[in-house]
Protein backbone atom coordinates (compact mmCIF):
# COMPACT_ATOMS: atom_id res chain seq x y z
CA GLU A 1 -8.62 -11.57 -7.45
CA ILE A 2 -6.68 -10.01 -4.56
CA GLU A 3 -4.31 -12.14 -2.48
CA ASN A 4 -1.88 -11.27 0.31
CA LEU A 5 1.39 -13.04 -0.52
CA SER A 6 2.77 -12.22 2.93
CA GLU A 7 -0.16 -13.72 4.84
CA GLU A 8 1.08 -15.70 7.87
CA VAL A 9 4.72 -14.83 7.14
CA GLU A 10 6.60 -14.79 10.43
CA GLU A 11 9.31 -12.30 9.41
CA PHE A 12 8.52 -8.59 9.67
CA THR A 13 7.35 -7.37 6.27
CA ALA A 14 4.74 -5.23 4.66
CA ASN A 15 1.76 -6.89 3.07
CA VAL A 16 2.42 -7.83 -0.55
CA TRP A 17 -0.88 -7.66 -2.42
CA ARG A 18 -1.17 -9.61 -5.67
CA ILE A 19 -4.00 -8.51 -7.95
CA ARG A 20 -4.58 -10.62 -11.02
CA ASN A 21 -6.94 -11.48 -13.80
CA ASP A 22 -6.50 -13.54 -16.98
CA GLU A 23 -4.35 -10.86 -18.63
CA GLU A 24 -2.22 -9.28 -15.92
CA THR A 25 -0.63 -9.65 -12.49
CA VAL A 26 0.14 -6.55 -10.43
CA ILE A 27 1.84 -6.43 -7.05
CA VAL A 28 1.21 -3.59 -4.60
CA ASP A 29 4.32 -3.28 -2.40
CA ALA A 30 7.27 -5.68 -2.59
CA GLY A 31 7.82 -6.48 1.09
CA THR A 32 11.10 -7.52 2.68
CA GLY A 33 12.78 -10.77 3.66
CA ASP A 34 13.35 -14.26 2.33
CA GLU A 35 10.07 -15.77 3.49
CA VAL A 36 7.84 -13.45 1.46
CA TRP A 37 10.35 -13.52 -1.40
CA SER A 38 9.94 -17.30 -1.61
CA ARG A 39 6.23 -16.68 -2.30
CA ILE A 40 6.77 -13.85 -4.79
CA LYS A 41 9.17 -15.90 -6.91
CA GLU A 42 6.50 -18.63 -7.24
CA VAL A 43 4.22 -16.15 -9.04
CA GLU A 44 4.08 -17.01 -12.74
CA ASP A 45 4.66 -13.44 -13.90
CA VAL A 46 4.58 -9.89 -12.56
CA ASP A 47 3.59 -7.22 -15.07
CA ARG A 48 3.75 -4.21 -12.75
CA VAL A 49 4.69 -3.30 -9.18
CA VAL A 50 3.11 -0.28 -7.52
CA ILE A 51 4.77 1.04 -4.37
CA THR A 52 2.65 2.84 -1.75
CA HIS A 53 5.72 4.43 -0.09
CA SER A 54 9.45 3.89 0.11
CA HIS A 55 10.03 2.45 3.60
CA TYR A 56 12.30 -0.60 3.40
CA ASP A 57 9.61 -3.07 4.49
CA HIS A 58 7.64 -2.14 1.35
CA VAL A 59 10.52 -2.00 -1.19
CA ASP A 60 13.33 -4.31 -0.05
CA ASN A 61 12.42 -7.14 -2.44
CA LEU A 62 12.26 -4.84 -5.49
CA PRO A 63 15.77 -5.68 -6.78
CA ARG A 64 14.95 -9.42 -6.62
CA ILE A 65 11.65 -8.86 -8.43
CA MET A 66 13.41 -6.84 -11.13
CA ASP A 67 16.04 -9.57 -11.55
CA LEU A 68 13.43 -12.30 -11.97
CA PHE A 69 10.65 -10.52 -13.87
CA ASP A 70 10.73 -7.96 -16.67
CA THR A 71 8.39 -5.58 -14.88
CA GLU A 72 7.47 -1.94 -14.58
CA VAL A 73 7.75 -0.27 -11.15
CA LEU A 74 5.64 2.78 -10.33
CA ALA A 75 5.95 5.10 -7.33
CA SER A 76 5.16 8.62 -6.20
CA GLU A 77 8.86 9.47 -5.81
CA PRO A 78 10.78 6.88 -7.86
CA GLU A 79 14.13 8.37 -6.86
CA ASN A 80 13.55 6.99 -3.33
CA LEU A 81 13.55 3.37 -4.53
CA PRO A 82 16.46 0.89 -4.79
CA VAL A 83 15.64 0.21 -8.48
CA GLU A 84 14.77 2.23 -11.55
CA ALA A 85 11.12 3.19 -11.46
CA GLU A 86 8.62 5.42 -13.20
CA GLN A 87 6.67 8.33 -11.78
CA ILE A 88 3.11 7.21 -11.09
CA ALA A 89 0.38 9.27 -12.76
CA GLU A 90 -2.91 10.47 -11.24
CA GLU A 91 -4.43 7.17 -12.36
CA VAL A 92 -2.88 3.74 -12.78
CA GLU A 93 -4.23 0.76 -14.68
CA ILE A 94 -4.39 -2.43 -12.63
CA CYS A 95 -5.73 -5.53 -14.37
CA GLY A 96 -7.58 -3.44 -16.95
CA GLU A 97 -9.22 -1.12 -14.41
CA SER A 98 -8.35 2.47 -13.65
CA PHE A 99 -7.35 3.19 -10.03
CA GLN A 100 -7.14 6.75 -8.74
CA VAL A 101 -3.79 7.62 -7.12
CA ILE A 102 -4.27 9.69 -3.97
CA ASN A 103 -1.29 11.46 -2.40
CA THR A 104 -1.45 10.76 1.34
CA PRO A 105 1.63 12.15 3.12
CA GLY A 106 1.99 11.89 6.87
CA HIS A 107 3.53 8.46 7.42
CA ARG A 108 6.06 9.30 4.71
CA ASP A 109 6.07 12.17 2.20
CA ASP A 110 5.86 9.81 -0.80
CA SER A 111 2.85 7.85 0.53
CA ILE A 112 -0.07 7.12 -1.80
CA CYS A 113 -3.34 5.20 -1.71
CA LEU A 114 -4.93 3.47 -4.70
CA TYR A 115 -8.71 3.73 -5.09
CA TYR A 116 -11.03 1.87 -7.45
CA GLU A 117 -14.28 3.82 -7.38
CA ARG A 118 -16.54 1.27 -9.13
CA THR A 119 -16.15 -1.32 -6.36
CA GLY A 120 -14.97 0.91 -3.49
CA ILE A 121 -11.61 -0.88 -3.10
CA LEU A 122 -8.73 1.03 -1.51
CA PHE A 123 -5.08 0.06 -1.02
CA THR A 124 -3.98 2.21 1.92
CA GLY A 125 -0.27 1.53 2.35
CA ASP A 126 0.57 2.57 5.91
CA LEU A 127 -2.00 5.36 6.18
CA VAL A 128 -4.69 3.37 8.00
CA PHE A 129 -5.06 -0.18 9.27
CA ALA A 130 -7.83 -2.43 10.54
CA ASP A 131 -9.45 -1.70 13.90
CA GLY A 132 -8.72 2.02 13.86
CA GLY A 133 -4.96 1.78 13.42
CA PHE A 134 -2.93 4.41 11.59
CA GLY A 135 0.62 4.82 10.32
CA ARG A 136 3.55 5.84 12.48
CA THR A 137 4.55 9.48 12.40
CA ASP A 138 7.71 9.20 14.51
CA LEU A 139 9.93 8.14 11.59
CA GLU A 140 11.72 10.29 8.99
CA ASP A 141 9.16 12.37 7.01
CA GLY A 142 6.48 11.50 9.58
CA ASP A 143 4.03 14.30 10.34
CA ARG A 144 0.88 13.73 12.39
CA ASP A 145 -0.91 16.82 11.01
CA LYS A 146 -0.32 15.69 7.41
CA LEU A 147 -1.41 12.16 8.32
CA ILE A 148 -4.68 13.46 9.79
CA GLU A 149 -5.35 15.54 6.65
CA SER A 150 -4.61 12.49 4.47
CA ILE A 151 -7.03 10.31 6.44
CA LYS A 152 -9.67 13.04 6.06
CA LYS A 153 -9.28 12.75 2.26
CA LEU A 154 -10.53 9.17 2.52
CA GLY A 155 -13.76 10.45 4.07
CA GLU A 156 -14.67 11.90 0.66
CA LEU A 157 -14.59 8.44 -0.94
CA GLU A 158 -17.06 5.58 -0.93
CA ILE A 159 -14.93 2.77 0.49
CA LYS A 160 -16.33 -0.75 0.80
CA GLU A 161 -13.08 -2.57 1.60
CA PHE A 162 -9.45 -1.72 2.11
CA TYR A 163 -6.13 -3.49 1.92
CA PRO A 164 -3.50 -1.98 4.24
CA GLY A 165 0.29 -2.21 4.31
CA HIS A 166 0.21 -4.35 7.46
CA GLY A 167 -2.32 -6.58 9.16
CA GLU A 168 -5.68 -7.84 7.99
CA SER A 169 -7.71 -6.55 5.06
CA VAL A 170 -11.02 -4.89 5.90
CA THR A 171 -14.02 -6.15 3.94
CA ARG A 172 -16.81 -4.96 6.26
CA GLU A 173 -17.51 -1.55 7.79
CA ALA A 174 -14.47 -0.07 6.04
CA GLU A 175 -15.60 3.54 6.33
CA GLU A 176 -16.34 3.13 10.03
CA GLN A 177 -12.88 1.69 10.64
CA ILE A 178 -11.27 4.57 8.74
CA GLU A 179 -13.29 7.02 10.84
CA ARG A 180 -11.90 5.31 13.96
CA SER A 181 -8.38 5.65 12.55
CA LEU A 182 -8.99 9.38 12.14
CA GLU A 183 -10.34 9.72 15.68
CA ASN A 184 -7.39 7.79 17.09
CA ALA A 185 -4.85 9.88 15.15
CA GLN A 186 -6.51 13.10 16.31
CA ARG A 187 -6.06 12.09 19.96
CA ARG A 188 -2.33 12.71 19.44
CA GLU A 189 -1.35 10.05 21.93
CA ASP A 190 2.09 8.49 21.59
CA LYS A 191 0.55 5.36 20.05
CA TYR A 192 1.70 5.30 16.45
CA SER A 193 0.17 2.16 14.95
């Protein structure tokens, strides 16, 4: 089961995806702000937190999560986080299933996506969004060329649905929406999201 704990939150925050089954609860990105924190702390337990990249809106609630839950935190560059974390491997287990970790720099150098091949599920962080959106490249570590190459990597995957760092999840025509994100990024207009 996948749920967005930051759905309809009015404060600016990244999406906080909770993935759970009978044995485990994993959170992808910790978000920022009191409103989403009030939802996270209602979760019965958090076994693991996976961070897609280290921008504050994805990691700000990590210290609170660590204080409340005895949990493992995984990231591409753990030294960029406000808490102790482990280096993520090429694969990560989420609720008993193996997700491929894909390095996707461009929005930030430590950006990753998480891909579950069997069902075609992808957690994109801030690489791509619904309706052809893509991550900003005007912030520190941002690089449009790297972002375009990272989006191209997704074209090699069979993606049925994706769960981005902001906005709505995409459960239909995911590959077509990612293709639009690539086309929009390649236009090199000032639009960054």
